[in-house]
Amino acid sequence: MRFLVTIEQDEAGYYAVECPALPGCVSQGGTREEALANIEEAILLSIETRKAHGLPPPMEVAEVEVAAL
């Protein structure tokens, strides 16, 4: 499965990542690469937890491109 994630760098230089398809699935890292590795693990754990508790699969998220203003 492929998931879109958002990445933001905070004032301290850390990267925060979130997976919109899985509400509450967030992570962080000291580098962009570390943050992406951490969110991958968080996504896998979130999916396992949802399955274990009989929750629905992740929401579908689509990528939409818009022209810059």
PDB file of N, CA and C in Angstrom:
ATOM      1  N   MET A   1       0.843  -1.183   0.000  1.00  0.00           N
ATOM      2  CA  MET A   1       0.000   0.000   0.000  1.00  0.00           C
ATOM      3  C   MET A   1       0.885   1.243   0.000  1.00  0.00           C
ATOM      4  N   ARG A   2       0.385   2.289  -0.600  1.00  0.00           N
ATOM      5  CA  ARG A   2       1.096   3.562  -0.617  1.00  0.00           C
ATOM      6  C   ARG A   2       0.276   4.578   0.172  1.00  0.00           C
ATOM      7  N   PHE A   3       0.952   5.404   0.938  1.00  0.00           N
ATOM      8  CA  PHE A   3       0.296   6.430   1.736  1.00  0.00           C
ATOM      9  C   PHE A   3       0.974   7.772   1.517  1.00  0.00           C
ATOM     10  N   LEU A   4       0.172   8.807   1.436  1.00  0.00           N
ATOM     11  CA  LEU A   4       0.707  10.155   1.401  1.00  0.00           C
ATOM     12  C   LEU A   4       0.948  10.591   2.839  1.00  0.00           C
ATOM     13  N   VAL A   5       2.040  11.314   3.061  1.00  0.00           N
ATOM     14  CA  VAL A   5       2.318  11.865   4.384  1.00  0.00           C
ATOM     15  C   VAL A   5       2.674  13.336   4.236  1.00  0.00           C
ATOM     16  N   THR A   6       2.424  14.098   5.285  1.00  0.00           N
ATOM     17  CA  THR A   6       2.845  15.492   5.308  1.00  0.00           C
ATOM     18  C   THR A   6       4.090  15.592   6.177  1.00  0.00           C
ATOM     19  N   ILE A   7       4.985  16.490   5.806  1.00  0.00           N
ATOM     20  CA  ILE A   7       6.232  16.672   6.548  1.00  0.00           C
ATOM     21  C   ILE A   7       6.409  18.155   6.830  1.00  0.00           C
ATOM     22  N   GLU A   8       6.668  18.489   8.087  1.00  0.00           N
ATOM     23  CA  GLU A   8       6.934  19.873   8.481  1.00  0.00           C
ATOM     24  C   GLU A   8       8.159  19.909   9.376  1.00  0.00           C
ATOM     25  N   GLN A   9       8.998  20.892   9.153  1.00  0.00           N
ATOM     26  CA  GLN A   9      10.159  21.070  10.022  1.00  0.00           C
ATOM     27  C   GLN A   9       9.826  22.152  11.039  1.00  0.00           C
ATOM     28  N   ASP A  10      10.048  21.856  12.324  1.00  0.00           N
ATOM     29  CA  ASP A  10       9.735  22.836  13.363  1.00  0.00           C
ATOM     30  C   ASP A  10      10.911  23.772  13.621  1.00  0.00           C
ATOM     31  N   GLU A  11      10.711  24.700  14.554  1.00  0.00           N
ATOM     32  CA  GLU A  11      11.721  25.715  14.860  1.00  0.00           C
ATOM     33  C   GLU A  11      13.030  25.114  15.369  1.00  0.00           C
ATOM     34  N   ALA A  12      12.937  23.967  16.017  1.00  0.00           N
ATOM     35  CA  ALA A  12      14.120  23.312  16.578  1.00  0.00           C
ATOM     36  C   ALA A  12      14.847  22.450  15.537  1.00  0.00           C
ATOM     37  N   GLY A  13      14.273  22.328  14.339  1.00  0.00           N
ATOM     38  CA  GLY A  13      14.910  21.549  13.288  1.00  0.00           C
ATOM     39  C   GLY A  13      14.400  20.132  13.142  1.00  0.00           C
ATOM     40  N   TYR A  14      13.492  19.705  14.033  1.00  0.00           N
ATOM     41  CA  TYR A  14      12.927  18.358  13.934  1.00  0.00           C
ATOM     42  C   TYR A  14      11.857  18.315  12.849  1.00  0.00           C
ATOM     43  N   TYR A  15      11.655  17.124  12.299  1.00  0.00           N
ATOM     44  CA  TYR A  15      10.646  16.927  11.266  1.00  0.00           C
ATOM     45  C   TYR A  15       9.455  16.179  11.865  1.00  0.00           C
ATOM     46  N   ALA A  16       8.278  16.743  11.682  1.00  0.00           N
ATOM     47  CA  ALA A  16       7.038  16.104  12.117  1.00  0.00           C
ATOM     48  C   ALA A  16       6.350  15.556  10.875  1.00  0.00           C
ATOM     49  N   VAL A  17       5.880  14.313  10.954  1.00  0.00           N
ATOM     50  CA  VAL A  17       5.205  13.674   9.831  1.00  0.00           C
ATOM     51  C   VAL A  17       3.847  13.165  10.272  1.00  0.00           C
ATOM     52  N   GLU A  18       2.884  13.227   9.349  1.00  0.00           N
ATOM     53  CA  GLU A  18       1.529  12.775   9.644  1.00  0.00           C
ATOM     54  C   GLU A  18       0.987  12.054   8.423  1.00  0.00           C
ATOM     55  N   CYS A  19       0.188  11.025   8.681  1.00  0.00           N
ATOM     56  CA  CYS A  19      -0.457  10.266   7.612  1.00  0.00           C
ATOM     57  C   CYS A  19      -1.959  10.576   7.642  1.00  0.00           C
ATOM     58  N   PRO A  20      -2.453  11.443   6.734  1.00  0.00           N
ATOM     59  CA  PRO A  20      -3.865  11.838   6.757  1.00  0.00           C
ATOM     60  C   PRO A  20      -4.850  10.675   6.619  1.00  0.00           C
ATOM     61  N   ALA A  21      -4.448   9.591   5.970  1.00  0.00           N
ATOM     62  CA  ALA A  21      -5.346   8.445   5.791  1.00  0.00           C
ATOM     63  C   ALA A  21      -5.593   7.694   7.090  1.00  0.00           C
ATOM     64  N   LEU A  22      -4.725   7.916   8.077  1.00  0.00           N
ATOM     65  CA  LEU A  22      -4.839   7.238   9.370  1.00  0.00           C
ATOM     66  C   LEU A  22      -4.857   8.307  10.468  1.00  0.00           C
ATOM     67  N   PRO A  23      -6.038   8.822  10.806  1.00  0.00           N
ATOM     68  CA  PRO A  23      -6.126   9.881  11.809  1.00  0.00           C
ATOM     69  C   PRO A  23      -5.361   9.522  13.088  1.00  0.00           C
ATOM     70  N   GLY A  24      -4.534  10.459  13.531  1.00  0.00           N
ATOM     71  CA  GLY A  24      -3.745  10.245  14.737  1.00  0.00           C
ATOM     72  C   GLY A  24      -2.417   9.567  14.505  1.00  0.00           C
ATOM     73  N   CYS A  25      -2.134   9.177  13.270  1.00  0.00           N
ATOM     74  CA  CYS A  25      -0.876   8.504  12.953  1.00  0.00           C
ATOM     75  C   CYS A  25       0.178   9.555  12.645  1.00  0.00           C
ATOM     76  N   VAL A  26       0.982   9.873  13.649  1.00  0.00           N
ATOM     77  CA  VAL A  26       2.004  10.906  13.529  1.00  0.00           C
ATOM     78  C   VAL A  26       3.327  10.384  14.076  1.00  0.00           C
ATOM     79  N   SER A  27       4.411  11.003  13.650  1.00  0.00           N
ATOM     80  CA  SER A  27       5.722  10.664  14.158  1.00  0.00           C
ATOM     81  C   SER A  27       6.643  11.846  13.929  1.00  0.00           C
ATOM     82  N   GLN A  28       7.901  11.667  14.270  1.00  0.00           N
ATOM     83  CA  GLN A  28       8.876  12.735  14.076  1.00  0.00           C
ATOM     84  C   GLN A  28      10.264  12.136  13.958  1.00  0.00           C
ATOM     85  N   GLY A  29      11.222  12.980  13.619  1.00  0.00           N
ATOM     86  CA  GLY A  29      12.606  12.546  13.538  1.00  0.00           C
ATOM     87  C   GLY A  29      13.534  13.739  13.459  1.00  0.00           C
ATOM     88  N   GLY A  30      14.784  13.498  13.784  1.00  0.00           N
ATOM     89  CA  GLY A  30      15.783  14.553  13.742  1.00  0.00           C
ATOM     90  C   GLY A  30      16.204  14.916  12.339  1.00  0.00           C
ATOM     91  N   THR A  31      15.996  13.991  11.399  1.00  0.00           N
ATOM     92  CA  THR A  31      16.253  14.249   9.988  1.00  0.00           C
ATOM     93  C   THR A  31      15.013  13.836   9.207  1.00  0.00           C
ATOM     94  N   ARG A  32      14.941  14.294   7.973  1.00  0.00           N
ATOM     95  CA  ARG A  32      13.810  13.929   7.112  1.00  0.00           C
ATOM     96  C   ARG A  32      13.760  12.409   6.935  1.00  0.00           C
ATOM     97  N   GLU A  33      14.913  11.786   6.712  1.00  0.00           N
ATOM     98  CA  GLU A  33      14.968  10.343   6.498  1.00  0.00           C
ATOM     99  C   GLU A  33      14.511   9.577   7.740  1.00  0.00           C
ATOM    100  N   GLU A  34      14.944  10.037   8.911  1.00  0.00           N
ATOM    101  CA  GLU A  34      14.533   9.392  10.159  1.00  0.00           C
ATOM    102  C   GLU A  34      13.027   9.540  10.366  1.00  0.00           C
ATOM    103  N   ALA A  35      12.501  10.717  10.084  1.00  0.00           N
ATOM    104  CA  ALA A  35      11.066  10.949  10.240  1.00  0.00           C
ATOM    105  C   ALA A  35      10.262  10.044   9.318  1.00  0.00           C
ATOM    106  N   LEU A  36      10.723   9.877   8.078  1.00  0.00           N
ATOM    107  CA  LEU A  36      10.006   9.007   7.137  1.00  0.00           C
ATOM    108  C   LEU A  36      10.082   7.543   7.560  1.00  0.00           C
ATOM    109  N   ALA A  37      11.221   7.113   8.079  1.00  0.00           N
ATOM    110  CA  ALA A  37      11.335   5.741   8.583  1.00  0.00           C
ATOM    111  C   ALA A  37      10.409   5.542   9.779  1.00  0.00           C
ATOM    112  N   ASN A  38      10.326   6.543  10.643  1.00  0.00           N
ATOM    113  CA  ASN A  38       9.476   6.440  11.828  1.00  0.00           C
ATOM    114  C   ASN A  38       7.996   6.406  11.466  1.00  0.00           C
ATOM    115  N   ILE A  39       7.579   7.211  10.466  1.00  0.00           N
ATOM    116  CA  ILE A  39       6.161   7.202  10.095  1.00  0.00           C
ATOM    117  C   ILE A  39       5.812   5.886   9.402  1.00  0.00           C
ATOM    118  N   GLU A  40       6.762   5.291   8.683  1.00  0.00           N
ATOM    119  CA  GLU A  40       6.508   3.984   8.073  1.00  0.00           C
ATOM    120  C   GLU A  40       6.183   2.955   9.156  1.00  0.00           C
ATOM    121  N   GLU A  41       6.970   2.955  10.226  1.00  0.00           N
ATOM    122  CA  GLU A  41       6.712   2.052  11.339  1.00  0.00           C
ATOM    123  C   GLU A  41       5.369   2.364  12.002  1.00  0.00           C
ATOM    124  N   ALA A  42       5.067   3.646  12.175  1.00  0.00           N
ATOM    125  CA  ALA A  42       3.799   4.047  12.799  1.00  0.00           C
ATOM    126  C   ALA A  42       2.607   3.619  11.944  1.00  0.00           C
ATOM    127  N   ILE A  43       2.736   3.730  10.625  1.00  0.00           N
ATOM    128  CA  ILE A  43       1.655   3.309   9.719  1.00  0.00           C
ATOM    129  C   ILE A  43       1.419   1.805   9.845  1.00  0.00           C
ATOM    130  N   LEU A  44       2.488   1.023   9.828  1.00  0.00           N
ATOM    131  CA  LEU A  44       2.344  -0.431   9.967  1.00  0.00           C
ATOM    132  C   LEU A  44       1.676  -0.805  11.286  1.00  0.00           C
ATOM    133  N   LEU A  45       2.097  -0.167  12.372  1.00  0.00           N
ATOM    134  CA  LEU A  45       1.490  -0.444  13.679  1.00  0.00           C
ATOM    135  C   LEU A  45       0.031  -0.024  13.717  1.00  0.00           C
ATOM    136  N   SER A  46      -0.283   1.104  13.107  1.00  0.00           N
ATOM    137  CA  SER A  46      -1.663   1.580  13.080  1.00  0.00           C
ATOM    138  C   SER A  46      -2.561   0.599  12.321  1.00  0.00           C
ATOM    139  N   ILE A  47      -2.085   0.110  11.187  1.00  0.00           N
ATOM    140  CA  ILE A  47      -2.875  -0.851  10.402  1.00  0.00           C
ATOM    141  C   ILE A  47      -3.063  -2.146  11.183  1.00  0.00           C
ATOM    142  N   GLU A  48      -2.008  -2.639  11.837  1.00  0.00           N
ATOM    143  CA  GLU A  48      -2.115  -3.857  12.650  1.00  0.00           C
ATOM    144  C   GLU A  48      -3.133  -3.665  13.766  1.00  0.00           C
ATOM    145  N   THR A  49      -3.092  -2.521  14.426  1.00  0.00           N
ATOM    146  CA  THR A  49      -4.018  -2.229  15.529  1.00  0.00           C
ATOM    147  C   THR A  49      -5.453  -2.160  15.022  1.00  0.00           C
ATOM    148  N   ARG A  50      -5.660  -1.510  13.879  1.00  0.00           N
ATOM    149  CA  ARG A  50      -7.008  -1.418  13.312  1.00  0.00           C
ATOM    150  C   ARG A  50      -7.554  -2.815  13.001  1.00  0.00           C
ATOM    151  N   LYS A  51      -6.722  -3.669  12.414  1.00  0.00           N
ATOM    152  CA  LYS A  51      -7.158  -5.031  12.107  1.00  0.00           C
ATOM    153  C   LYS A  51      -7.492  -5.799  13.377  1.00  0.00           C
ATOM    154  N   ALA A  52      -6.647  -5.687  14.387  1.00  0.00           N
ATOM    155  CA  ALA A  52      -6.837  -6.414  15.640  1.00  0.00           C
ATOM    156  C   ALA A  52      -8.131  -6.013  16.342  1.00  0.00           C
ATOM    157  N   HIS A  53      -8.558  -4.770  16.145  1.00  0.00           N
ATOM    158  CA  HIS A  53      -9.757  -4.269  16.814  1.00  0.00           C
ATOM    159  C   HIS A  53     -10.974  -4.232  15.897  1.00  0.00           C
ATOM    160  N   GLY A  54     -10.840  -4.819  14.708  1.00  0.00           N
ATOM    161  CA  GLY A  54     -11.968  -4.886  13.783  1.00  0.00           C
ATOM    162  C   GLY A  54     -12.386  -3.533  13.225  1.00  0.00           C
ATOM    163  N   LEU A  55     -11.471  -2.586  13.178  1.00  0.00           N
ATOM    164  CA  LEU A  55     -11.779  -1.263  12.648  1.00  0.00           C
ATOM    165  C   LEU A  55     -11.660  -1.261  11.130  1.00  0.00           C
ATOM    166  N   PRO A  56     -12.329  -0.320  10.463  1.00  0.00           N
ATOM    167  CA  PRO A  56     -12.262  -0.287   8.996  1.00  0.00           C
ATOM    168  C   PRO A  56     -10.850   0.013   8.501  1.00  0.00           C
ATOM    169  N   PRO A  57     -10.585  -0.354   7.260  1.00  0.00           N
ATOM    170  CA  PRO A  57      -9.258  -0.079   6.684  1.00  0.00           C
ATOM    171  C   PRO A  57      -9.024   1.431   6.571  1.00  0.00           C
ATOM    172  N   PRO A  58      -7.792   1.824   6.288  1.00  0.00           N
ATOM    173  CA  PRO A  58      -7.482   3.254   6.165  1.00  0.00           C
ATOM    174  C   PRO A  58      -8.330   3.938   5.100  1.00  0.00           C
ATOM    175  N   MET A  59      -8.590   5.235   5.311  1.00  0.00           N
ATOM    176  CA  MET A  59      -9.308   6.031   4.322  1.00  0.00           C
ATOM    177  C   MET A  59      -8.459   6.132   3.061  1.00  0.00           C
ATOM    178  N   GLU A  60      -9.124   6.252   1.941  1.00  0.00           N
ATOM    179  CA  GLU A  60      -8.395   6.466   0.691  1.00  0.00           C
ATOM    180  C   GLU A  60      -8.064   7.949   0.583  1.00  0.00           C
ATOM    181  N   VAL A  61      -6.846   8.238   0.187  1.00  0.00           N
ATOM    182  CA  VAL A  61      -6.396   9.612  -0.004  1.00  0.00           C
ATOM    183  C   VAL A  61      -5.904   9.734  -1.433  1.00  0.00           C
ATOM    184  N   ALA A  62      -6.329  10.764  -2.117  1.00  0.00           N
ATOM    185  CA  ALA A  62      -5.881  10.992  -3.492  1.00  0.00           C
ATOM    186  C   ALA A  62      -4.981  12.204  -3.545  1.00  0.00           C
ATOM    187  N   GLU A  63      -4.124  12.230  -4.527  1.00  0.00           N
ATOM    188  CA  GLU A  63      -3.229  13.359  -4.732  1.00  0.00           C
ATOM    189  C   GLU A  63      -3.842  14.236  -5.822  1.00  0.00           C
ATOM    190  N   VAL A  64      -3.947  15.542  -5.545  1.00  0.00           N
ATOM    191  CA  VAL A  64      -4.524  16.487  -6.492  1.00  0.00           C
ATOM    192  C   VAL A  64      -3.517  17.593  -6.732  1.00  0.00           C
ATOM    193  N   GLU A  65      -3.278  17.905  -7.986  1.00  0.00           N
ATOM    194  CA  GLU A  65      -2.335  18.971  -8.324  1.00  0.00           C
ATOM    195  C   GLU A  65      -3.121  20.209  -8.740  1.00  0.00           C
ATOM    196  N   VAL A  66      -2.740  21.365  -8.208  1.00  0.00           N
ATOM    197  CA  VAL A  66      -3.375  22.630  -8.583  1.00  0.00           C
ATOM    198  C   VAL A  66      -2.302  23.585  -9.089  1.00  0.00           C
ATOM    199  N   ALA A  67      -2.715  24.483  -9.942  1.00  0.00           N
ATOM    200  CA  ALA A  67      -1.781  25.473 -10.482  1.00  0.00           C
ATOM    201  C   ALA A  67      -1.423  26.476  -9.386  1.00  0.00           C
ATOM    202  N   ALA A  68      -0.164  26.876  -9.358  1.00  0.00           N
ATOM    203  CA  ALA A  68       0.276  27.880  -8.385  1.00  0.00           C
ATOM    204  C   ALA A  68      -0.321  29.231  -8.745  1.00  0.00           C
ATOM    205  N   LEU A  69      -0.646  29.976  -7.727  1.00  0.00           N
ATOM    206  CA  LEU A  69      -1.215  31.307  -7.966  1.00  0.00           C
ATOM    207  C   LEU A  69      -0.151  32.343  -8.096  1.00  0.00           C
TER     208      LEU A  69
END
